[in-house]
Amino acid sequence: MKEREYLVRDGNFYYFRKWLNFPLLAFFTSRKIDFSQKRNLKLLCKKLNIKNLILPIQKHSSKVSIVNFKNKGKKFFSDALITKELNLAIGVLTADCFSIFLYDPLHRAIGIVHAGWRGTREEIVKNTIIKMKEEFSTNPSDLQIAFGPGIRECCYEIKEDLREYFSGYIQEREGKLYLDLKRANLEQLYSLGVKKENILDSGICTVCQNSYFFSYRKEGEKTGRIISLIMLKNNYED
């Protein structure tokens, strides 16, 4: 697979080149390891010396959870996490749905979003930014955004019943409907004032590149999950 020029690959890990200049740990993984298995999450944390990792119990919802060291032991039934805590990793698991990374460099805050069609319909990424604005005084124009792998409009065939929710983001080809899920999320970002030049995209379609990434659409329920993870670090040298 040919990676985009702004992606850096290190074994099973993919980093956004521009984001390597930020005081963050932020990456997504390939299908080499299935992170729906708890033992693999433990091995990941050990390998990267991550002492605290929070993953939500994903529900394809619009719910955003604020996490910190005081509540890190709780279960979060949500599809987005935000925090200002240093060395507290947050992540989502995906296999066609998009992961969306958010970083506010001015207020040192981060977020991670799981966006499938249901969450996108419920404006999960928009809700996440609004919550960051309320809790951390985030200005959307300051945000850095990155899209992880996801199913793209080339492969995301949908049924007629979704047309009413995504009428502006559907292509019709040979009598079939295809949804541009990334663009639907982009429009939510733009509507809040996120700058186009602050948005990166992995450019990876999980169906087209199924040999490298898990795809629920292509493989069914047996497929695994990649992890997308972000964590604020103490400084640029950590």
C-alpha atoms as a PDB file:
ATOM      1  CA  MET A   1       0.000   0.000   0.000  1.00  0.00           C
ATOM      2  CA  LYS A   2       1.279   3.471  -0.862  1.00  0.00           C
ATOM      3  CA  GLU A   3       0.827   5.800   2.094  1.00  0.00           C
ATOM      4  CA  ARG A   4       0.029   9.468   1.692  1.00  0.00           C
ATOM      5  CA  GLU A   5       3.119  11.660   1.975  1.00  0.00           C
ATOM      6  CA  TYR A   6       1.957  13.076   5.303  1.00  0.00           C
ATOM      7  CA  LEU A   7       1.685   9.646   6.919  1.00  0.00           C
ATOM      8  CA  VAL A   8       4.633   8.027   8.645  1.00  0.00           C
ATOM      9  CA  ARG A   9       4.545   4.286   9.149  1.00  0.00           C
ATOM     10  CA  ASP A  10       6.494   2.525  11.876  1.00  0.00           C
ATOM     11  CA  GLY A  11       5.656  -1.161  11.816  1.00  0.00           C
ATOM     12  CA  ASN A  12       2.042  -1.523  12.905  1.00  0.00           C
ATOM     13  CA  PHE A  13       1.700   2.188  13.716  1.00  0.00           C
ATOM     14  CA  TYR A  14       0.721   5.071  11.454  1.00  0.00           C
ATOM     15  CA  TYR A  15       1.434   8.661  12.471  1.00  0.00           C
ATOM     16  CA  PHE A  16       0.470  11.952  10.859  1.00  0.00           C
ATOM     17  CA  ARG A  17       3.763  13.569   9.883  1.00  0.00           C
ATOM     18  CA  LYS A  18       2.668  17.107  10.788  1.00  0.00           C
ATOM     19  CA  TRP A  19       1.431  15.951  14.176  1.00  0.00           C
ATOM     20  CA  LEU A  20       4.862  14.615  15.112  1.00  0.00           C
ATOM     21  CA  ASN A  21       5.732  18.255  15.835  1.00  0.00           C
ATOM     22  CA  PHE A  22       3.020  18.450  18.490  1.00  0.00           C
ATOM     23  CA  PRO A  23       3.474  17.369  22.150  1.00  0.00           C
ATOM     24  CA  LEU A  24       1.259  14.361  21.522  1.00  0.00           C
ATOM     25  CA  LEU A  25       1.225  10.654  21.018  1.00  0.00           C
ATOM     26  CA  ALA A  26      -1.287  10.118  18.205  1.00  0.00           C
ATOM     27  CA  PHE A  27      -1.551   7.142  15.869  1.00  0.00           C
ATOM     28  CA  PHE A  28      -3.732   4.479  14.318  1.00  0.00           C
ATOM     29  CA  THR A  29      -2.812   0.872  13.657  1.00  0.00           C
ATOM     30  CA  SER A  30      -3.093  -1.724  10.898  1.00  0.00           C
ATOM     31  CA  ARG A  31      -4.823  -5.109  10.932  1.00  0.00           C
ATOM     32  CA  LYS A  32      -1.647  -6.844  12.030  1.00  0.00           C
ATOM     33  CA  ILE A  33      -3.023  -6.785  15.581  1.00  0.00           C
ATOM     34  CA  ASP A  34      -6.673  -7.038  16.635  1.00  0.00           C
ATOM     35  CA  PHE A  35      -7.243  -4.533  19.408  1.00  0.00           C
ATOM     36  CA  SER A  36     -10.709  -5.794  20.224  1.00  0.00           C
ATOM     37  CA  GLN A  37      -8.753  -8.366  22.245  1.00  0.00           C
ATOM     38  CA  LYS A  38      -7.983  -7.039  25.729  1.00  0.00           C
ATOM     39  CA  ARG A  39      -4.670  -8.840  25.913  1.00  0.00           C
ATOM     40  CA  ASN A  40      -3.463  -6.898  22.884  1.00  0.00           C
ATOM     41  CA  LEU A  41      -4.471  -3.616  24.502  1.00  0.00           C
ATOM     42  CA  LYS A  42      -2.397  -4.551  27.544  1.00  0.00           C
ATOM     43  CA  LEU A  43       0.588  -5.400  25.355  1.00  0.00           C
ATOM     44  CA  LEU A  44       0.206  -2.096  23.515  1.00  0.00           C
ATOM     45  CA  CYS A  45       0.234  -0.122  26.750  1.00  0.00           C
ATOM     46  CA  LYS A  46       3.280  -2.011  27.964  1.00  0.00           C
ATOM     47  CA  LYS A  47       5.151  -1.464  24.693  1.00  0.00           C
ATOM     48  CA  LEU A  48       4.472   2.283  24.650  1.00  0.00           C
ATOM     49  CA  ASN A  49       4.647   2.785  28.424  1.00  0.00           C
ATOM     50  CA  ILE A  50       1.044   3.995  28.539  1.00  0.00           C
ATOM     51  CA  LYS A  51      -0.103   3.787  32.141  1.00  0.00           C
ATOM     52  CA  ASN A  52      -3.663   5.003  31.594  1.00  0.00           C
ATOM     53  CA  LEU A  53      -5.845   4.219  28.564  1.00  0.00           C
ATOM     54  CA  ILE A  54      -9.572   4.882  28.287  1.00  0.00           C
ATOM     55  CA  LEU A  55     -11.763   3.429  25.556  1.00  0.00           C
ATOM     56  CA  PRO A  56     -15.498   4.148  25.450  1.00  0.00           C
ATOM     57  CA  ILE A  57     -18.163   1.500  25.073  1.00  0.00           C
ATOM     58  CA  GLN A  58     -19.173   2.606  21.587  1.00  0.00           C
ATOM     59  CA  LYS A  59     -22.884   2.915  20.842  1.00  0.00           C
ATOM     60  CA  HIS A  60     -23.035   4.749  17.480  1.00  0.00           C
ATOM     61  CA  SER A  61     -24.420   7.711  19.391  1.00  0.00           C
ATOM     62  CA  SER A  62     -23.976  11.466  19.744  1.00  0.00           C
ATOM     63  CA  LYS A  63     -22.708  11.200  23.328  1.00  0.00           C
ATOM     64  CA  VAL A  64     -19.400  12.802  24.312  1.00  0.00           C
ATOM     65  CA  SER A  65     -17.652  11.962  27.595  1.00  0.00           C
ATOM     66  CA  ILE A  66     -15.196  14.167  29.479  1.00  0.00           C
ATOM     67  CA  VAL A  67     -12.514  11.990  31.038  1.00  0.00           C
ATOM     68  CA  ASN A  68      -9.870  12.667  33.663  1.00  0.00           C
ATOM     69  CA  PHE A  69      -7.881  10.899  36.336  1.00  0.00           C
ATOM     70  CA  LYS A  70     -10.730  11.217  38.833  1.00  0.00           C
ATOM     71  CA  ASN A  71     -13.284   9.355  36.707  1.00  0.00           C
ATOM     72  CA  LYS A  72     -10.991   7.112  34.644  1.00  0.00           C
ATOM     73  CA  GLY A  73     -12.284   3.992  36.387  1.00  0.00           C
ATOM     74  CA  LYS A  74     -15.832   4.509  35.150  1.00  0.00           C
ATOM     75  CA  LYS A  75     -17.442   3.005  32.062  1.00  0.00           C
ATOM     76  CA  PHE A  76     -18.168   5.550  29.347  1.00  0.00           C
ATOM     77  CA  PHE A  77     -21.055   4.680  27.050  1.00  0.00           C
ATOM     78  CA  SER A  78     -20.240   7.177  24.328  1.00  0.00           C
ATOM     79  CA  ASP A  79     -18.621   7.635  20.945  1.00  0.00           C
ATOM     80  CA  ALA A  80     -16.248  10.472  21.716  1.00  0.00           C
ATOM     81  CA  LEU A  81     -13.849  11.244  24.541  1.00  0.00           C
ATOM     82  CA  ILE A  82     -12.228  14.571  25.419  1.00  0.00           C
ATOM     83  CA  THR A  83      -9.635  15.479  28.037  1.00  0.00           C
ATOM     84  CA  LYS A  84      -7.033  18.002  29.154  1.00  0.00           C
ATOM     85  CA  GLU A  85      -5.119  15.510  31.276  1.00  0.00           C
ATOM     86  CA  LEU A  86      -1.476  14.829  30.495  1.00  0.00           C
ATOM     87  CA  ASN A  87      -0.473  11.189  30.019  1.00  0.00           C
ATOM     88  CA  LEU A  88      -4.073  10.001  29.858  1.00  0.00           C
ATOM     89  CA  ALA A  89      -4.541   8.148  26.574  1.00  0.00           C
ATOM     90  CA  ILE A  90      -7.952   8.026  24.915  1.00  0.00           C
ATOM     91  CA  GLY A  91      -8.903   5.923  21.928  1.00  0.00           C
ATOM     92  CA  VAL A  92     -11.573   4.297  19.794  1.00  0.00           C
ATOM     93  CA  LEU A  93     -11.783   0.959  17.975  1.00  0.00           C
ATOM     94  CA  THR A  94     -12.888   0.863  14.338  1.00  0.00           C
ATOM     95  CA  ALA A  95     -13.354  -1.392  11.316  1.00  0.00           C
ATOM     96  CA  ASP A  96     -14.953   0.911   8.669  1.00  0.00           C
ATOM     97  CA  CYS A  97     -16.233   3.760  10.841  1.00  0.00           C
ATOM     98  CA  PHE A  98     -13.948   6.778  10.876  1.00  0.00           C
ATOM     99  CA  SER A  99     -11.753   7.756  13.765  1.00  0.00           C
ATOM    100  CA  ILE A 100     -11.370  11.513  14.042  1.00  0.00           C
ATOM    101  CA  PHE A 101      -8.549  13.044  16.086  1.00  0.00           C
ATOM    102  CA  LEU A 102      -8.886  16.532  17.603  1.00  0.00           C
ATOM    103  CA  TYR A 103      -6.164  18.702  19.131  1.00  0.00           C
ATOM    104  CA  ASP A 104      -6.509  22.192  20.588  1.00  0.00           C
ATOM    105  CA  PRO A 105      -2.922  23.500  20.833  1.00  0.00           C
ATOM    106  CA  LEU A 106      -3.954  26.735  22.546  1.00  0.00           C
ATOM    107  CA  HIS A 107      -5.745  25.131  25.492  1.00  0.00           C
ATOM    108  CA  ARG A 108      -3.846  21.822  25.406  1.00  0.00           C
ATOM    109  CA  ALA A 109      -6.943  19.677  24.980  1.00  0.00           C
ATOM    110  CA  ILE A 110      -7.618  16.590  22.867  1.00  0.00           C
ATOM    111  CA  GLY A 111     -10.492  14.491  21.624  1.00  0.00           C
ATOM    112  CA  ILE A 112     -11.109  11.255  19.759  1.00  0.00           C
ATOM    113  CA  VAL A 113     -14.295  10.411  17.855  1.00  0.00           C
ATOM    114  CA  HIS A 114     -15.854   7.216  16.492  1.00  0.00           C
ATOM    115  CA  ALA A 115     -18.014   8.226  13.522  1.00  0.00           C
ATOM    116  CA  GLY A 116     -20.106   5.705  11.619  1.00  0.00           C
ATOM    117  CA  TRP A 117     -23.224   6.646   9.703  1.00  0.00           C
ATOM    118  CA  ARG A 118     -25.384   6.694  12.829  1.00  0.00           C
ATOM    119  CA  GLY A 119     -22.986   8.858  14.792  1.00  0.00           C
ATOM    120  CA  THR A 120     -22.496  11.117  11.801  1.00  0.00           C
ATOM    121  CA  ARG A 121     -26.256  11.485  11.429  1.00  0.00           C
ATOM    122  CA  GLU A 122     -26.370  12.458  15.120  1.00  0.00           C
ATOM    123  CA  GLU A 123     -23.514  14.953  14.541  1.00  0.00           C
ATOM    124  CA  ILE A 124     -21.036  13.302  16.878  1.00  0.00           C
ATOM    125  CA  VAL A 125     -17.994  15.290  15.734  1.00  0.00           C
ATOM    126  CA  LYS A 126     -19.915  18.559  15.916  1.00  0.00           C
ATOM    127  CA  ASN A 127     -21.096  17.696  19.420  1.00  0.00           C
ATOM    128  CA  THR A 128     -17.523  16.903  20.422  1.00  0.00           C
ATOM    129  CA  ILE A 129     -16.256  20.307  19.380  1.00  0.00           C
ATOM    130  CA  ILE A 130     -19.153  22.055  21.092  1.00  0.00           C
ATOM    131  CA  LYS A 131     -18.336  20.137  24.273  1.00  0.00           C
ATOM    132  CA  MET A 132     -14.655  21.105  23.994  1.00  0.00           C
ATOM    133  CA  LYS A 133     -15.731  24.713  23.587  1.00  0.00           C
ATOM    134  CA  GLU A 134     -17.914  24.520  26.698  1.00  0.00           C
ATOM    135  CA  GLU A 135     -15.416  22.671  28.877  1.00  0.00           C
ATOM    136  CA  PHE A 136     -12.043  23.912  27.637  1.00  0.00           C
ATOM    137  CA  SER A 137     -12.858  27.221  25.865  1.00  0.00           C
ATOM    138  CA  THR A 138     -11.731  25.687  22.580  1.00  0.00           C
ATOM    139  CA  ASN A 139     -12.054  27.911  19.521  1.00  0.00           C
ATOM    140  CA  PRO A 140     -12.855  25.692  16.507  1.00  0.00           C
ATOM    141  CA  SER A 141     -10.566  27.799  14.305  1.00  0.00           C
ATOM    142  CA  ASP A 142      -7.612  26.716  16.476  1.00  0.00           C
ATOM    143  CA  LEU A 143      -8.363  23.003  16.204  1.00  0.00           C
ATOM    144  CA  GLN A 144      -6.128  20.560  14.392  1.00  0.00           C
ATOM    145  CA  ILE A 145      -8.139  17.638  12.980  1.00  0.00           C
ATOM    146  CA  ALA A 146      -7.104  14.321  11.449  1.00  0.00           C
ATOM    147  CA  PHE A 147      -9.195  11.555   9.884  1.00  0.00           C
ATOM    148  CA  GLY A 148      -8.064   7.982  10.342  1.00  0.00           C
ATOM    149  CA  PRO A 149      -8.985   5.080   8.036  1.00  0.00           C
ATOM    150  CA  GLY A 150     -12.611   4.534   7.112  1.00  0.00           C
ATOM    151  CA  ILE A 151     -14.938   3.279   4.428  1.00  0.00           C
ATOM    152  CA  ARG A 152     -14.955   5.742   1.530  1.00  0.00           C
ATOM    153  CA  GLU A 153     -17.487   6.787  -1.070  1.00  0.00           C
ATOM    154  CA  CYS A 154     -15.871   4.400  -3.560  1.00  0.00           C
ATOM    155  CA  CYS A 155     -17.123   1.425  -1.535  1.00  0.00           C
ATOM    156  CA  TYR A 156     -19.815   2.570   0.879  1.00  0.00           C
ATOM    157  CA  GLU A 157     -22.946   1.298  -0.827  1.00  0.00           C
ATOM    158  CA  ILE A 158     -26.096   2.147   1.128  1.00  0.00           C
ATOM    159  CA  LYS A 159     -29.813   1.523   0.872  1.00  0.00           C
ATOM    160  CA  GLU A 160     -32.482   4.004  -0.110  1.00  0.00           C
ATOM    161  CA  ASP A 161     -33.590   4.550   3.493  1.00  0.00           C
ATOM    162  CA  LEU A 162     -30.456   6.567   4.285  1.00  0.00           C
ATOM    163  CA  ARG A 163     -30.952   9.025   1.446  1.00  0.00           C
ATOM    164  CA  GLU A 164     -33.072  11.387   3.547  1.00  0.00           C
ATOM    165  CA  TYR A 165     -30.307  11.765   6.148  1.00  0.00           C
ATOM    166  CA  PHE A 166     -27.401  12.212   3.738  1.00  0.00           C
ATOM    167  CA  SER A 167     -28.959  13.620   0.574  1.00  0.00           C
ATOM    168  CA  GLY A 168     -26.051  15.982  -0.059  1.00  0.00           C
ATOM    169  CA  TYR A 169     -23.391  13.303   0.375  1.00  0.00           C
ATOM    170  CA  ILE A 170     -24.626  10.496  -1.858  1.00  0.00           C
ATOM    171  CA  GLN A 171     -23.448   9.521  -5.324  1.00  0.00           C
ATOM    172  CA  GLU A 172     -25.533   7.333  -7.601  1.00  0.00           C
ATOM    173  CA  ARG A 173     -23.563   4.975  -9.839  1.00  0.00           C
ATOM    174  CA  GLU A 174     -25.083   2.244 -11.993  1.00  0.00           C
ATOM    175  CA  GLY A 175     -28.298   2.385  -9.998  1.00  0.00           C
ATOM    176  CA  LYS A 176     -26.556   2.065  -6.631  1.00  0.00           C
ATOM    177  CA  LEU A 177     -26.143   4.650  -3.875  1.00  0.00           C
ATOM    178  CA  TYR A 178     -22.757   5.426  -2.311  1.00  0.00           C
ATOM    179  CA  LEU A 179     -22.257   7.541   0.805  1.00  0.00           C
ATOM    180  CA  ASP A 180     -19.378   9.978   1.315  1.00  0.00           C
ATOM    181  CA  LEU A 181     -19.191   9.695   5.086  1.00  0.00           C
ATOM    182  CA  LYS A 182     -16.013  11.711   5.401  1.00  0.00           C
ATOM    183  CA  ARG A 183     -17.513  14.694   3.573  1.00  0.00           C
ATOM    184  CA  ALA A 184     -20.573  14.598   5.823  1.00  0.00           C
ATOM    185  CA  ASN A 185     -18.254  14.937   8.807  1.00  0.00           C
ATOM    186  CA  LEU A 186     -16.192  17.606   7.084  1.00  0.00           C
ATOM    187  CA  GLU A 187     -19.265  19.770   6.646  1.00  0.00           C
ATOM    188  CA  GLN A 188     -19.916  19.550  10.383  1.00  0.00           C
ATOM    189  CA  LEU A 189     -16.375  20.776  11.006  1.00  0.00           C
ATOM    190  CA  TYR A 190     -16.668  23.628   8.527  1.00  0.00           C
ATOM    191  CA  SER A 191     -20.025  24.700   9.960  1.00  0.00           C
ATOM    192  CA  LEU A 192     -18.318  25.414  13.291  1.00  0.00           C
ATOM    193  CA  GLY A 193     -15.392  27.303  11.805  1.00  0.00           C
ATOM    194  CA  VAL A 194     -12.682  24.640  11.617  1.00  0.00           C
ATOM    195  CA  LYS A 195     -10.120  25.728   9.028  1.00  0.00           C
ATOM    196  CA  LYS A 196      -9.620  23.567   5.964  1.00  0.00           C
ATOM    197  CA  GLU A 197      -5.846  23.915   6.216  1.00  0.00           C
ATOM    198  CA  ASN A 198      -5.974  22.427   9.725  1.00  0.00           C
ATOM    199  CA  ILE A 199      -7.542  19.154   8.577  1.00  0.00           C
ATOM    200  CA  LEU A 200      -5.550  16.082   7.579  1.00  0.00           C
ATOM    201  CA  ASP A 201      -6.914  12.879   6.081  1.00  0.00           C
ATOM    202  CA  SER A 202      -5.244   9.478   6.042  1.00  0.00           C
ATOM    203  CA  GLY A 203      -6.879   8.863   2.664  1.00  0.00           C
ATOM    204  CA  ILE A 204      -7.300   5.191   3.553  1.00  0.00           C
ATOM    205  CA  CYS A 205     -10.376   3.225   2.522  1.00  0.00           C
ATOM    206  CA  THR A 206     -10.755   0.190   4.754  1.00  0.00           C
ATOM    207  CA  VAL A 207     -12.567  -1.783   2.050  1.00  0.00           C
ATOM    208  CA  CYS A 208     -10.148  -1.005  -0.790  1.00  0.00           C
ATOM    209  CA  GLN A 209      -7.194  -1.650   1.509  1.00  0.00           C
ATOM    210  CA  ASN A 210      -8.684  -4.525   3.442  1.00  0.00           C
ATOM    211  CA  SER A 211      -5.420  -6.437   3.325  1.00  0.00           C
ATOM    212  CA  TYR A 212      -4.001  -3.747   5.638  1.00  0.00           C
ATOM    213  CA  PHE A 213      -7.064  -2.720   7.662  1.00  0.00           C
ATOM    214  CA  PHE A 214     -10.118  -4.421   9.125  1.00  0.00           C
ATOM    215  CA  SER A 215     -13.452  -3.936   7.337  1.00  0.00           C
ATOM    216  CA  TYR A 216     -16.774  -4.951   8.832  1.00  0.00           C
ATOM    217  CA  ARG A 217     -18.445  -4.338   5.480  1.00  0.00           C
ATOM    218  CA  LYS A 218     -16.113  -6.722   3.662  1.00  0.00           C
ATOM    219  CA  GLU A 219     -15.434  -9.338   6.345  1.00  0.00           C
ATOM    220  CA  GLY A 220     -18.541  -9.328   8.511  1.00  0.00           C
ATOM    221  CA  GLU A 221     -18.798  -9.861  12.253  1.00  0.00           C
ATOM    222  CA  LYS A 222     -15.638 -11.934  12.463  1.00  0.00           C
ATOM    223  CA  THR A 223     -13.407  -8.983  11.667  1.00  0.00           C
ATOM    224  CA  GLY A 224     -11.133  -7.371  14.243  1.00  0.00           C
ATOM    225  CA  ARG A 225     -10.573  -3.727  15.169  1.00  0.00           C
ATOM    226  CA  ILE A 226      -7.769  -1.241  14.806  1.00  0.00           C
ATOM    227  CA  ILE A 227      -7.159   1.331  17.505  1.00  0.00           C
ATOM    228  CA  SER A 228      -6.838   5.085  17.063  1.00  0.00           C
ATOM    229  CA  LEU A 229      -5.211   6.661  20.098  1.00  0.00           C
ATOM    230  CA  ILE A 230      -4.233  10.139  21.244  1.00  0.00           C
ATOM    231  CA  MET A 231      -2.481  11.332  24.399  1.00  0.00           C
ATOM    232  CA  LEU A 232      -1.112  14.663  25.610  1.00  0.00           C
ATOM    233  CA  LYS A 233       2.535  14.414  26.614  1.00  0.00           C
ATOM    234  CA  ASN A 234       4.414  16.460  29.197  1.00  0.00           C
ATOM    235  CA  ASN A 235       6.581  18.158  26.614  1.00  0.00           C
ATOM    236  CA  TYR A 236       8.044  17.765  23.152  1.00  0.00           C
ATOM    237  CA  GLU A 237      10.834  15.485  24.338  1.00  0.00           C
ATOM    238  CA  ASP A 238       8.722  12.828  26.101  1.00  0.00           C
END
